């Protein structure tokens, strides 16, 4: 592919360019092998595509049935009551209406995650409280600490993606149900299960049945991802009849297209093929993880989605790897530097058949370790120009030459010639120049929440699709191995719903220094992302604060 194809990424703020755009810009008119868009490669079957092609004229000529008819057919397959379901033109449409109708002034979300959960409420002037997932902990979400964070911030709506995008982290059903009950005093709890069909950690992982019995829980499900049909925009949510009805009442009668209707009515006759496709994706995920883990310095995180989150070797810049994979090998990968809470050192790679995986691995080998002159991973002696996009992480890499936290712990607490201040109540030294007062630190001219090290509960055995990242063989000379991720801990007990006064009180912060590169204990807010320091709602551009929410149906502010 020509080099100008990669210019399409420069104009895409939050997502990769579409396959149609890449195909139009490619020399030969054909798109690349797609490891970017998380789609089921085995469904629909070739016979199903042939059937749809044979009926193409009718499908695109005539109006579809109303949404109620299509929803009733889907509910018959899923054994769900139709009054608890609302179908949308893709899960993104439903996220938009959830934000407009059910989210009040604030929403909490772990990051990194699917970008619409941070971007959508920001666009309507909500406060977004971002809870950073720790790279040192393998991006595992600690539900007990997340609940504590929500209460300390006074956040009214809460989101969890399970499995999470981009890392594939998984939370067990029992832990999620406990969390939902601990959040019973919040306005809304959203569990986004868009990728749950690919999970195999337990037999019945979904919480849809539990959502229908609770007053403030919504479960979001995707159809395009697991049916392999992103181009047909369709998804659905499940909630109690009152919540589902509020969303359903705002949707147009023909918000679902004829392709969506045709596929939904095909499913009754193709259930076995669909089940086999999911089984094959899970098998491919294990094999793909094993092959990627064999690359020196590459870390593969455990995933229950149909994608793998990988950390590139020290010195490899994700945008360079992405562009070279596309132009030199016609392979499209998802570089994650534009995801809040991630950096350009991470890629998300979709699970694909083995013939494609071999092409991916071969391309990565050449791009990362090919002839030294063109390798993305430089010789250790030459230094690197690696930038993660996060200053603290860059300092950590620079000061430890990529060796990570252990090497940092062995270093003096502060730079030569500067005294180290003890951490309050611990006697442990903080790096010189870091204020001792809890709750504030200075990075350049802007105050940000102080980093605090979070003790994690002792893990207990949990079922998993495969036993963690597959250890890589000893690296070849010149390759610097990356530290292995920490296994995911079991969820701890959750704080019980608290009165408003107690919820407003500051929560205790464990004493002790936080190594460079670890995100702040208190999380990031949308205001801080935008460069302000307030906790109040920030009005959307062009609207006064009193009009921070659109009024899609002339009903005034709701929720």
Protein backbone atom coordinates (compact mmCIF):
# COMPACT_ATOMS: atom_id res chain seq x y z
CA UNK A 1 0.00 0.00 0.00
CA UNK A 2 1.21 3.52 -0.70
CA UNK A 3 2.58 5.61 2.13
CA UNK A 4 -0.14 8.27 1.79
CA UNK A 5 -2.70 5.78 3.15
CA UNK A 6 -1.31 6.29 6.66
CA UNK A 7 -2.19 10.00 6.45
CA UNK A 8 -5.81 8.96 7.06
CA UNK A 9 -4.90 8.19 10.68
CA UNK A 10 -3.74 11.76 11.29
CA UNK A 11 -7.24 13.13 10.73
CA UNK A 12 -9.00 10.55 12.91
CA UNK A 13 -9.17 11.82 16.49
CA UNK A 14 -10.60 8.87 18.41
CA UNK A 15 -10.85 5.90 16.06
CA UNK A 16 -9.12 4.31 13.10
CA UNK A 17 -10.23 5.25 9.58
CA UNK A 18 -12.92 3.09 8.02
CA UNK A 19 -12.07 0.14 5.81
CA UNK A 20 -13.89 1.90 2.95
CA UNK A 21 -11.58 4.94 3.29
CA UNK A 22 -8.47 2.76 3.39
CA UNK A 23 -9.62 0.79 0.37
CA UNK A 24 -10.26 3.95 -1.63
CA UNK A 25 -6.75 5.22 -0.90
CA UNK A 26 -4.91 1.95 -1.56
CA UNK A 27 -3.04 1.42 -4.83
CA UNK A 28 -4.69 -1.85 -5.83
CA UNK A 29 -8.19 -0.97 -4.69
CA UNK A 30 -8.28 -3.80 -2.10
CA UNK A 31 -8.26 -3.32 1.64
CA UNK A 32 -5.64 -4.70 4.04
CA UNK A 33 -5.92 -7.77 6.27
CA UNK A 34 -7.99 -6.39 9.14
CA UNK A 35 -6.64 -6.86 12.68
CA UNK A 36 -8.29 -3.60 13.78
CA UNK A 37 -12.10 -3.95 13.65
CA UNK A 38 -13.22 -6.48 16.31
CA UNK A 39 -15.51 -8.64 14.21
CA UNK A 40 -16.32 -12.37 14.15
CA UNK A 41 -14.51 -13.69 11.01
CA UNK A 42 -16.51 -16.95 10.86
CA UNK A 43 -20.07 -15.62 10.79
CA UNK A 44 -22.20 -15.29 8.72
CA UNK A 45 -21.19 -18.39 6.83
CA UNK A 46 -20.53 -18.24 3.05
CA UNK A 47 -23.91 -19.86 2.47
CA UNK A 48 -25.63 -17.12 4.49
CA UNK A 49 -23.84 -14.42 2.51
CA UNK A 50 -24.98 -16.11 -0.70
CA UNK A 51 -28.57 -16.09 0.57
CA UNK A 52 -28.38 -12.39 1.43
CA UNK A 53 -26.81 -11.60 -1.94
CA UNK A 54 -29.67 -13.41 -3.70
CA UNK A 55 -32.21 -11.23 -1.89
CA UNK A 56 -30.21 -7.99 -2.08
CA UNK A 57 -32.66 -6.24 -4.41
CA UNK A 58 -35.64 -6.76 -2.11
CA UNK A 59 -33.62 -6.00 1.05
CA UNK A 60 -32.48 -2.58 -0.11
CA UNK A 61 -35.65 -1.65 -2.05
CA UNK A 62 -38.34 -1.92 0.61
CA UNK A 63 -38.95 -0.53 4.07
CA UNK A 64 -38.13 -2.86 6.95
CA UNK A 65 -40.71 -3.90 9.48
CA UNK A 66 -41.14 -1.67 12.51
CA UNK A 67 -38.64 -1.97 15.33
CA UNK A 68 -41.24 -3.73 17.53
CA UNK A 69 -41.50 -6.63 15.05
CA UNK A 70 -37.73 -7.10 14.80
CA UNK A 71 -37.32 -6.76 18.58
CA UNK A 72 -40.01 -9.38 19.21
CA UNK A 73 -38.19 -11.86 16.94
CA UNK A 74 -34.86 -11.23 18.69
CA UNK A 75 -36.46 -11.59 22.13
CA UNK A 76 -37.95 -14.92 21.09
CA UNK A 77 -34.44 -16.16 20.29
CA UNK A 78 -32.94 -14.71 23.48
CA UNK A 79 -35.86 -15.70 25.73
CA UNK A 80 -36.22 -12.14 26.99
CA UNK A 81 -39.47 -10.19 27.52
CA UNK A 82 -39.81 -7.59 24.74
CA UNK A 83 -40.82 -4.88 27.22
CA UNK A 84 -37.31 -5.16 28.74
CA UNK A 85 -35.47 -4.68 25.43
CA UNK A 86 -34.75 -1.70 23.17
CA UNK A 87 -33.00 -2.24 19.84
CA UNK A 88 -30.86 0.50 18.32
CA UNK A 89 -29.05 1.34 15.12
CA UNK A 90 -25.81 0.12 16.64
CA UNK A 91 -24.81 0.21 20.31
CA UNK A 92 -23.49 3.75 19.76
CA UNK A 93 -27.03 5.02 19.16
CA UNK A 94 -28.09 3.46 22.46
CA UNK A 95 -25.10 4.98 24.30
CA UNK A 96 -26.19 8.37 22.96
CA UNK A 97 -29.75 7.97 24.25
CA UNK A 98 -28.58 6.56 27.59
CA UNK A 99 -26.52 9.72 28.01
CA UNK A 100 -29.38 12.05 26.98
CA UNK A 101 -32.11 10.36 29.03
CA UNK A 102 -30.58 8.56 32.00
CA UNK A 103 -27.27 10.28 32.91
CA UNK A 104 -27.51 13.41 35.01
CA UNK A 105 -24.50 15.58 35.82
CA UNK A 106 -21.75 12.96 36.13
CA UNK A 107 -20.58 9.54 34.98
CA UNK A 108 -17.71 7.32 36.15
CA UNK A 109 -15.81 5.05 33.78
CA UNK A 110 -12.55 3.08 34.05
CA UNK A 111 -9.96 3.98 31.42
CA UNK A 112 -8.78 2.85 28.97
CA UNK A 113 -12.09 1.66 27.56
CA UNK A 114 -14.43 2.18 24.59
CA UNK A 115 -14.09 5.84 23.65
CA UNK A 116 -17.80 6.66 23.38
CA UNK A 117 -18.22 6.14 27.12
CA UNK A 118 -15.87 9.06 27.77
CA UNK A 119 -16.52 11.20 24.68
CA UNK A 120 -20.34 11.08 24.54
CA UNK A 121 -21.04 12.55 28.02
CA UNK A 122 -18.25 15.11 27.57
CA UNK A 123 -19.99 16.32 24.42
CA UNK A 124 -23.17 17.01 26.39
CA UNK A 125 -21.39 18.84 29.21
CA UNK A 126 -21.34 16.08 31.84
CA UNK A 127 -18.54 15.58 34.34
CA UNK A 128 -16.71 12.34 33.51
CA UNK A 129 -14.79 10.79 36.41
CA UNK A 130 -12.12 8.51 34.95
CA UNK A 131 -10.75 5.69 37.07
CA UNK A 132 -7.33 4.69 35.67
CA UNK A 133 -6.61 0.99 35.26
CA UNK A 134 -3.04 0.29 36.32
CA UNK A 135 -0.60 -1.12 33.78
CA UNK A 136 1.38 -2.57 36.72
CA UNK A 137 -1.73 -4.58 37.65
CA UNK A 138 -2.36 -5.91 34.16
CA UNK A 139 -5.18 -3.36 33.66
CA UNK A 140 -7.39 -5.36 36.05
CA UNK A 141 -10.41 -3.47 37.40
CA UNK A 142 -10.61 -3.66 41.20
CA UNK A 143 -14.35 -3.35 41.80
CA UNK A 144 -14.01 -2.52 45.50
CA UNK A 145 -11.71 0.42 44.80
CA UNK A 146 -13.86 1.52 41.88
CA UNK A 147 -16.92 1.60 44.17
CA UNK A 148 -14.91 3.60 46.72
CA UNK A 149 -13.86 6.02 43.97
CA UNK A 150 -17.47 6.50 42.81
CA UNK A 151 -18.61 7.35 46.33
CA UNK A 152 -15.72 9.71 47.00
CA UNK A 153 -16.46 11.62 43.80
CA UNK A 154 -20.21 11.58 44.31
CA UNK A 155 -20.69 10.27 40.76
CA UNK A 156 -24.31 9.57 39.82
CA UNK A 157 -23.88 7.08 36.93
CA UNK A 158 -21.39 4.23 36.60
CA UNK A 159 -20.14 2.27 33.59
CA UNK A 160 -18.30 -1.07 33.35
CA UNK A 161 -17.37 -2.81 30.09
CA UNK A 162 -17.12 -6.59 30.45
CA UNK A 163 -14.94 -7.72 28.74
CA UNK A 164 -13.21 -4.37 28.58
CA UNK A 165 -12.05 -2.86 25.31
CA UNK A 166 -9.09 -2.67 24.57
CA UNK A 167 -7.49 -5.02 27.13
CA UNK A 168 -10.08 -7.83 27.21
CA UNK A 169 -10.20 -7.86 31.02
CA UNK A 170 -13.04 -9.94 32.45
CA UNK A 171 -15.11 -9.70 35.64
CA UNK A 172 -17.02 -12.71 36.92
CA UNK A 173 -20.80 -12.58 37.10
CA UNK A 174 -21.06 -12.93 40.88
CA UNK A 175 -18.66 -10.04 41.42
CA UNK A 176 -20.62 -7.84 39.02
CA UNK A 177 -23.93 -8.62 40.70
CA UNK A 178 -22.42 -7.68 44.07
CA UNK A 179 -21.16 -4.42 42.56
CA UNK A 180 -24.56 -3.64 41.06
CA UNK A 181 -26.17 -4.08 44.46
CA UNK A 182 -23.50 -1.92 46.13
CA UNK A 183 -24.39 0.82 43.61
CA UNK A 184 -28.14 0.60 44.31
CA UNK A 185 -28.17 4.24 45.48
CA UNK A 186 -26.72 5.56 42.18
CA UNK A 187 -28.93 6.85 39.38
CA UNK A 188 -27.64 4.35 36.83
CA UNK A 189 -25.29 1.39 36.43
CA UNK A 190 -24.42 0.36 32.86
CA UNK A 191 -22.79 -2.99 32.12
CA UNK A 192 -21.56 -2.99 28.53
CA UNK A 193 -21.43 -6.63 27.38
CA UNK A 194 -20.65 -5.89 23.73
CA UNK A 195 -17.94 -8.57 23.57
CA UNK A 196 -19.30 -11.05 26.11
CA UNK A 197 -20.32 -13.63 23.49
CA UNK A 198 -16.62 -14.43 23.01
CA UNK A 199 -15.95 -15.12 26.71
CA UNK A 200 -15.55 -18.65 28.00
CA UNK A 201 -14.45 -18.05 31.62
CA UNK A 202 -17.80 -19.28 32.93
CA UNK A 203 -20.86 -20.96 31.47
CA UNK A 204 -23.42 -18.15 32.10
CA UNK A 205 -21.47 -14.87 32.16
CA UNK A 206 -24.22 -12.33 31.34
CA UNK A 207 -26.11 -10.27 33.93
CA UNK A 208 -29.10 -9.50 31.67
CA UNK A 209 -31.55 -11.45 33.82
CA UNK A 210 -30.35 -9.66 36.96
CA UNK A 211 -30.67 -6.29 35.20
CA UNK A 212 -34.39 -6.77 34.52
CA UNK A 213 -35.01 -7.11 38.27
CA UNK A 214 -33.14 -3.98 39.38
CA UNK A 215 -34.37 -0.39 39.16
CA UNK A 216 -31.17 1.29 37.94
CA UNK A 217 -29.23 -1.25 35.80
CA UNK A 218 -28.90 -1.30 32.01
CA UNK A 219 -27.03 -3.99 30.08
CA UNK A 220 -25.80 -3.10 26.60
CA UNK A 221 -25.27 -5.83 23.98
CA UNK A 222 -23.87 -5.68 20.45
CA UNK A 223 -24.96 -7.76 17.48
CA UNK A 224 -22.58 -6.47 14.81
CA UNK A 225 -19.46 -7.67 16.61
CA UNK A 226 -20.46 -11.24 17.38
CA UNK A 227 -22.40 -11.66 14.12
CA UNK A 228 -19.46 -10.34 12.11
CA UNK A 229 -21.54 -7.54 10.58
CA UNK A 230 -20.34 -4.13 11.74
CA UNK A 231 -21.76 -2.59 8.57
CA UNK A 232 -25.28 -3.50 9.72
CA UNK A 233 -25.73 -1.15 12.64
CA UNK A 234 -27.70 -3.04 15.26
CA UNK A 235 -27.49 -3.68 18.98
CA UNK A 236 -29.82 -3.79 21.97
CA UNK A 237 -30.11 -2.96 25.65
CA UNK A 238 -31.82 -4.88 28.45
CA UNK A 239 -33.26 -3.24 31.57
CA UNK A 240 -36.39 -3.22 33.70
CA UNK A 241 -39.50 -2.24 31.69
CA UNK A 242 -39.50 1.36 32.92
CA UNK A 243 -35.89 2.10 31.88
CA UNK A 244 -36.10 0.16 28.62
CA UNK A 245 -39.38 1.86 27.81
CA UNK A 246 -37.92 5.36 28.27
CA UNK A 247 -35.26 4.63 25.66
CA UNK A 248 -37.58 2.72 23.32
CA UNK A 249 -40.09 5.59 23.31
CA UNK A 250 -37.47 7.98 21.94
CA UNK A 251 -36.34 5.79 19.03
CA UNK A 252 -37.78 6.23 15.51
CA UNK A 253 -40.18 3.57 14.34
CA UNK A 254 -37.84 2.53 11.51
CA UNK A 255 -34.50 2.99 13.24
CA UNK A 256 -33.48 -0.56 12.17
CA UNK A 257 -32.71 -1.25 8.53
CA UNK A 258 -33.80 -4.12 6.30
CA UNK A 259 -30.41 -5.87 6.52
CA UNK A 260 -30.74 -5.97 10.31
CA UNK A 261 -34.23 -7.44 10.00
CA UNK A 262 -33.10 -10.05 7.50
CA UNK A 263 -30.19 -11.19 9.68
CA UNK A 264 -32.27 -11.39 12.86
CA UNK A 265 -34.85 -13.59 11.11
CA UNK A 266 -32.07 -15.78 9.66
CA UNK A 267 -30.66 -16.61 13.08
CA UNK A 268 -33.37 -19.09 14.01
CA UNK A 269 -32.13 -21.42 11.25
CA UNK A 270 -28.41 -20.86 11.80
CA UNK A 271 -27.88 -21.24 15.55
CA UNK A 272 -25.44 -24.17 15.28
CA UNK A 273 -23.23 -22.30 12.79
CA UNK A 274 -23.17 -19.29 15.10
CA UNK A 275 -22.18 -21.41 18.12
CA UNK A 276 -19.38 -23.05 16.12
CA UNK A 277 -18.08 -19.64 15.03
CA UNK A 278 -17.75 -18.47 18.65
CA UNK A 279 -15.99 -21.69 19.60
CA UNK A 280 -13.50 -21.24 16.76
CA UNK A 281 -12.74 -17.64 17.79
CA UNK A 282 -11.96 -18.80 21.33
CA UNK A 283 -9.59 -21.48 20.02
CA UNK A 284 -7.92 -18.98 17.71
CA UNK A 285 -7.46 -16.57 20.63
CA UNK A 286 -5.36 -19.12 22.52
CA UNK A 287 -3.20 -19.94 19.52
CA UNK A 288 -2.74 -16.31 18.53
CA UNK A 289 -1.74 -15.34 22.07
CA UNK A 290 0.84 -18.12 22.12
CA UNK A 291 2.38 -17.05 18.81
CA UNK A 292 2.53 -13.37 19.74
CA UNK A 293 4.01 -14.12 23.16
CA UNK A 294 6.94 -15.82 21.44
CA UNK A 295 8.09 -12.47 20.02
CA UNK A 296 10.91 -11.08 22.20
CA UNK A 297 9.86 -8.21 24.44
CA UNK A 298 6.19 -8.35 23.43
CA UNK A 299 3.68 -8.69 26.30
CA UNK A 300 0.25 -10.21 25.64
CA UNK A 301 -2.47 -9.61 28.23
CA UNK A 302 -5.12 -12.25 29.03
CA UNK A 303 -8.34 -11.51 27.16
CA UNK A 304 -11.92 -12.75 27.07
CA UNK A 305 -12.80 -10.69 24.01
CA UNK A 306 -12.14 -11.41 20.36
CA UNK A 307 -8.99 -9.29 20.49
CA UNK A 308 -5.66 -9.19 22.32
CA UNK A 309 -4.01 -6.20 23.99
CA UNK A 310 -0.25 -6.22 23.50
CA UNK A 311 2.56 -4.03 24.80
CA UNK A 312 5.33 -3.41 22.29
CA UNK A 313 8.99 -3.85 23.24
CA UNK A 314 10.76 -0.85 24.72
CA UNK A 315 11.84 1.48 21.95
CA UNK A 316 9.01 0.57 19.56
CA UNK A 317 6.65 3.44 18.74
CA UNK A 318 3.12 2.23 18.03
CA UNK A 319 2.34 4.70 15.27
CA UNK A 320 5.51 3.72 13.40
CA UNK A 321 4.71 0.01 13.78
CA UNK A 322 1.11 0.60 12.64
CA UNK A 323 2.15 2.60 9.56
CA UNK A 324 4.86 0.15 8.51
CA UNK A 325 2.59 -2.85 8.99
CA UNK A 326 0.03 -1.17 6.74
CA UNK A 327 2.32 0.11 4.00
CA UNK A 328 4.85 -2.76 3.91
CA UNK A 329 2.69 -5.77 4.81
CA UNK A 330 -0.91 -4.68 4.08
CA UNK A 331 -1.93 -5.48 7.67
CA UNK A 332 -4.13 -3.06 9.64
CA UNK A 333 -3.59 -2.97 13.42
CA UNK A 334 -5.15 -0.75 16.11
CA UNK A 335 -2.59 1.52 17.76
CA UNK A 336 -4.01 2.69 21.10
CA UNK A 337 -2.24 5.99 21.70
CA UNK A 338 -5.48 7.94 21.20
CA UNK A 339 -7.34 6.02 23.92
CA UNK A 340 -7.48 7.88 27.25
CA UNK A 341 -5.50 5.83 29.78
CA UNK A 342 -3.43 4.04 27.14
CA UNK A 343 -0.38 5.03 25.11
CA UNK A 344 1.17 4.46 21.71
CA UNK A 345 3.19 1.59 23.11
CA UNK A 346 0.05 -0.60 23.00
CA UNK A 347 -1.74 -2.33 20.13
CA UNK A 348 -5.12 -4.05 20.08
CA UNK A 349 -5.09 -7.00 17.68
CA UNK A 350 -8.29 -8.73 16.60
CA UNK A 351 -8.40 -12.54 16.70
CA UNK A 352 -8.32 -13.91 13.16
CA UNK A 353 -7.78 -17.30 11.41
CA UNK A 354 -4.32 -18.82 11.58
CA UNK A 355 -3.40 -18.02 7.99
CA UNK A 356 -3.84 -14.32 8.79
CA UNK A 357 -2.06 -14.61 12.16
CA UNK A 358 1.02 -16.04 10.45
CA UNK A 359 1.06 -12.98 8.20
CA UNK A 360 0.70 -10.69 11.22
CA UNK A 361 3.51 -12.37 13.17
CA UNK A 362 5.82 -12.40 10.16
CA UNK A 363 5.18 -8.70 9.58
CA UNK A 364 5.80 -7.82 13.23
CA UNK A 365 9.05 -9.77 13.23
CA UNK A 366 10.31 -7.81 10.23
CA UNK A 367 9.12 -4.43 11.49
CA UNK A 368 10.31 -4.89 15.08
CA UNK A 369 13.50 -6.86 14.66
CA UNK A 370 14.36 -6.91 10.92
CA UNK A 371 17.68 -5.54 9.68
CA UNK A 372 18.95 -3.28 12.45
CA UNK A 373 18.92 -0.26 10.16
CA UNK A 374 15.16 -0.48 9.68
CA UNK A 375 14.09 -2.17 12.92
CA UNK A 376 11.51 -0.45 15.11
CA UNK A 377 13.30 -1.79 18.22
CA UNK A 378 16.76 -0.20 18.28
CA UNK A 379 19.97 -1.66 19.66
CA UNK A 380 20.18 -1.00 23.43
CA UNK A 381 23.46 0.91 23.09
CA UNK A 382 22.00 3.46 20.68
CA UNK A 383 19.23 4.72 23.00
CA UNK A 384 15.67 5.30 21.82
CA UNK A 385 13.36 8.13 20.99
CA UNK A 386 10.40 6.21 22.42
CA UNK A 387 7.49 8.28 23.69
CA UNK A 388 4.48 6.71 25.39
CA UNK A 389 2.53 9.94 25.27
CA UNK A 390 2.70 10.13 29.09
CA UNK A 391 5.58 12.07 30.62
CA UNK A 392 5.76 10.00 33.82
CA UNK A 393 5.92 6.75 31.86
CA UNK A 394 8.62 8.19 29.59
CA UNK A 395 10.67 9.13 32.64
CA UNK A 396 10.32 5.61 34.01
CA UNK A 397 11.47 4.06 30.74
CA UNK A 398 14.37 6.51 30.48
CA UNK A 399 15.55 6.13 34.08
CA UNK A 400 15.37 2.34 34.11
CA UNK A 401 16.24 1.65 30.44
CA UNK A 402 12.96 -0.22 30.20
CA UNK A 403 13.60 -2.45 33.22
CA UNK A 404 10.48 -1.18 34.97
CA UNK A 405 9.50 -0.80 38.61
CA UNK A 406 12.04 -3.18 40.11
CA UNK A 407 14.96 -1.21 38.73
CA UNK A 408 13.36 2.03 39.85
CA UNK A 409 12.92 0.74 43.38
CA UNK A 410 16.64 0.04 43.56
CA UNK A 411 17.51 3.65 42.68
CA UNK A 412 17.90 6.52 45.18
CA UNK A 413 14.66 8.24 46.08
CA UNK A 414 15.56 11.54 44.43
CA UNK A 415 17.91 13.04 41.85
CA UNK A 416 21.54 13.58 42.92
CA UNK A 417 22.01 16.64 45.06
CA UNK A 418 18.35 16.98 46.10
CA UNK A 419 17.01 15.84 49.44
CA UNK A 420 14.08 13.45 49.63
CA UNK A 421 11.08 14.28 51.78
CA UNK A 422 9.46 11.52 53.87
CA UNK A 423 5.94 10.48 53.01
CA UNK A 424 3.48 11.55 55.67
CA UNK A 425 3.07 8.91 58.33
CA UNK A 426 5.46 6.41 56.78
CA UNK A 427 9.02 7.64 57.06
CA UNK A 428 9.47 6.51 53.44
CA UNK A 429 11.19 8.99 51.12
CA UNK A 430 9.38 10.56 48.22
CA UNK A 431 11.32 11.70 45.14
CA UNK A 432 12.70 15.17 45.76
CA UNK A 433 10.55 17.97 44.47
CA UNK A 434 7.25 16.12 45.06
CA UNK A 435 5.03 17.95 47.64
CA UNK A 436 4.38 16.04 50.85
CA UNK A 437 0.84 17.37 51.29
CA UNK A 438 -1.66 14.70 50.21
CA UNK A 439 -4.09 15.46 47.40
CA UNK A 440 -1.90 17.65 45.22
CA UNK A 441 1.22 17.33 43.15
CA UNK A 442 2.81 19.46 40.49
CA UNK A 443 3.78 18.27 37.03
CA UNK A 444 4.86 21.38 35.20
CA UNK A 445 2.58 24.35 35.90
CA UNK A 446 -0.71 22.43 36.27
CA UNK A 447 -1.85 20.85 39.59
CA UNK A 448 -3.07 17.26 39.31
CA UNK A 449 -4.20 14.66 41.92
CA UNK A 450 -1.29 13.12 43.76
CA UNK A 451 -0.26 9.61 42.72
CA UNK A 452 -0.79 7.10 45.50
CA UNK A 453 0.17 3.46 45.52
CA UNK A 454 -2.85 1.18 45.87
CA UNK A 455 -2.42 -2.04 47.85
CA UNK A 456 -4.19 -4.89 46.08
CA UNK A 457 -5.97 -7.77 47.85
CA UNK A 458 -4.44 -11.20 47.74
CA UNK A 459 -5.57 -13.07 44.64
CA UNK A 460 -7.64 -16.22 44.82
CA UNK A 461 -7.87 -18.82 42.06
CA UNK A 462 -10.28 -17.85 39.28
CA UNK A 463 -11.04 -19.70 36.05
CA UNK A 464 -9.43 -18.13 33.00
CA UNK A 465 -9.32 -18.87 29.28
CA UNK A 466 -5.61 -19.49 29.46
CA UNK A 467 -3.10 -19.18 32.31
CA UNK A 468 -1.96 -15.60 31.79
CA UNK A 469 0.43 -14.32 29.17
CA UNK A 470 2.50 -17.09 27.64
CA UNK A 471 6.12 -16.57 28.70
CA UNK A 472 8.39 -15.54 25.89
CA UNK A 473 11.65 -17.40 25.14
CA UNK A 474 14.92 -15.68 26.06
CA UNK A 475 15.26 -12.70 23.72
CA UNK A 476 17.83 -12.60 21.01
CA UNK A 477 20.85 -10.33 21.59
CA UNK A 478 19.79 -6.71 21.35
CA UNK A 479 16.19 -7.29 22.48
CA UNK A 480 15.05 -5.90 25.81
CA UNK A 481 12.27 -8.05 27.37
CA UNK A 482 9.30 -6.25 28.88
CA UNK A 483 8.10 -7.03 32.42
CA UNK A 484 5.32 -9.63 32.64
CA UNK A 485 1.86 -8.38 33.65
CA UNK A 486 0.53 -9.01 37.13
CA UNK A 487 -2.34 -11.56 37.32
CA UNK A 488 -5.84 -10.17 37.87
CA UNK A 489 -6.90 -10.16 41.55
CA UNK A 490 -10.21 -11.44 42.80
CA UNK A 491 -12.79 -8.78 43.64
CA UNK A 492 -12.95 -7.69 47.25
CA UNK A 493 -15.91 -6.63 49.38
CA UNK A 494 -17.73 -3.52 48.21
CA UNK A 495 -18.69 -0.54 50.33
CA UNK A 496 -22.36 -0.55 51.23
CA UNK A 497 -24.57 2.31 49.98
CA UNK A 498 -23.80 5.31 52.17
CA UNK A 499 -25.83 8.40 53.13
CA UNK A 500 -25.11 11.53 51.14
CA UNK A 501 -23.06 13.09 53.94
CA UNK A 502 -20.83 10.06 54.26
CA UNK A 503 -20.41 9.77 50.51
CA UNK A 504 -19.17 13.34 50.33
CA UNK A 505 -16.43 12.76 52.91
CA UNK A 506 -12.93 12.16 51.56
CA UNK A 507 -11.87 8.55 51.49
CA UNK A 508 -8.65 7.38 53.06
CA UNK A 509 -5.55 7.31 50.89
CA UNK A 510 -2.92 4.68 51.67
CA UNK A 511 0.36 6.30 52.70
CA UNK A 512 3.58 5.77 50.77
CA UNK A 513 5.21 6.88 47.56
CA UNK A 514 3.98 5.95 44.12
CA UNK A 515 6.62 4.96 41.57
CA UNK A 516 6.91 7.10 38.49
CA UNK A 517 4.60 5.94 35.73
CA UNK A 518 1.72 4.82 37.97
CA UNK A 519 -1.49 6.90 37.45
CA UNK A 520 -2.96 8.96 40.25
CA UNK A 521 -4.99 7.27 42.97
CA UNK A 522 -7.87 9.70 42.61
CA UNK A 523 -8.42 9.27 38.88
CA UNK A 524 -8.80 11.85 36.14
CA UNK A 525 -11.82 13.94 35.30
CA UNK A 526 -12.95 15.20 31.93
CA UNK A 527 -12.21 18.72 33.16
CA UNK A 528 -8.57 17.78 33.75
CA UNK A 529 -8.37 16.18 30.33
CA UNK A 530 -9.57 19.47 28.85
CA UNK A 531 -7.03 21.43 30.90
CA UNK A 532 -9.27 22.90 33.61
CA UNK A 533 -9.27 22.11 37.30
CA UNK A 534 -12.93 22.23 38.31
CA UNK A 535 -15.17 19.41 39.44
CA UNK A 536 -18.33 21.11 38.22
CA UNK A 537 -20.03 20.16 34.98
CA UNK A 538 -18.41 21.78 31.97
CA UNK A 539 -21.02 22.98 29.47
CA UNK A 540 -20.81 21.70 25.93
CA UNK A 541 -19.27 24.07 23.42
CA UNK A 542 -21.72 26.68 22.23
CA UNK A 543 -24.34 26.02 24.95
CA UNK A 544 -24.79 27.71 28.35
CA UNK A 545 -24.48 25.49 31.41
CA UNK A 546 -28.25 25.40 31.82
CA UNK A 547 -28.51 23.77 28.40
CA UNK A 548 -25.74 21.19 28.80
CA UNK A 549 -28.03 18.42 27.57
CA UNK A 550 -29.79 18.31 24.22
CA UNK A 551 -33.57 18.02 24.29
CA UNK A 552 -34.15 15.45 21.53
CA UNK A 553 -37.92 15.28 21.87
CA UNK A 554 -38.93 18.67 23.25
CA UNK A 555 -39.46 17.16 26.68
CA UNK A 556 -36.99 19.37 28.54
CA UNK A 557 -34.28 18.06 30.82
CA UNK A 558 -34.92 14.54 32.03
CA UNK A 559 -33.33 12.03 34.37
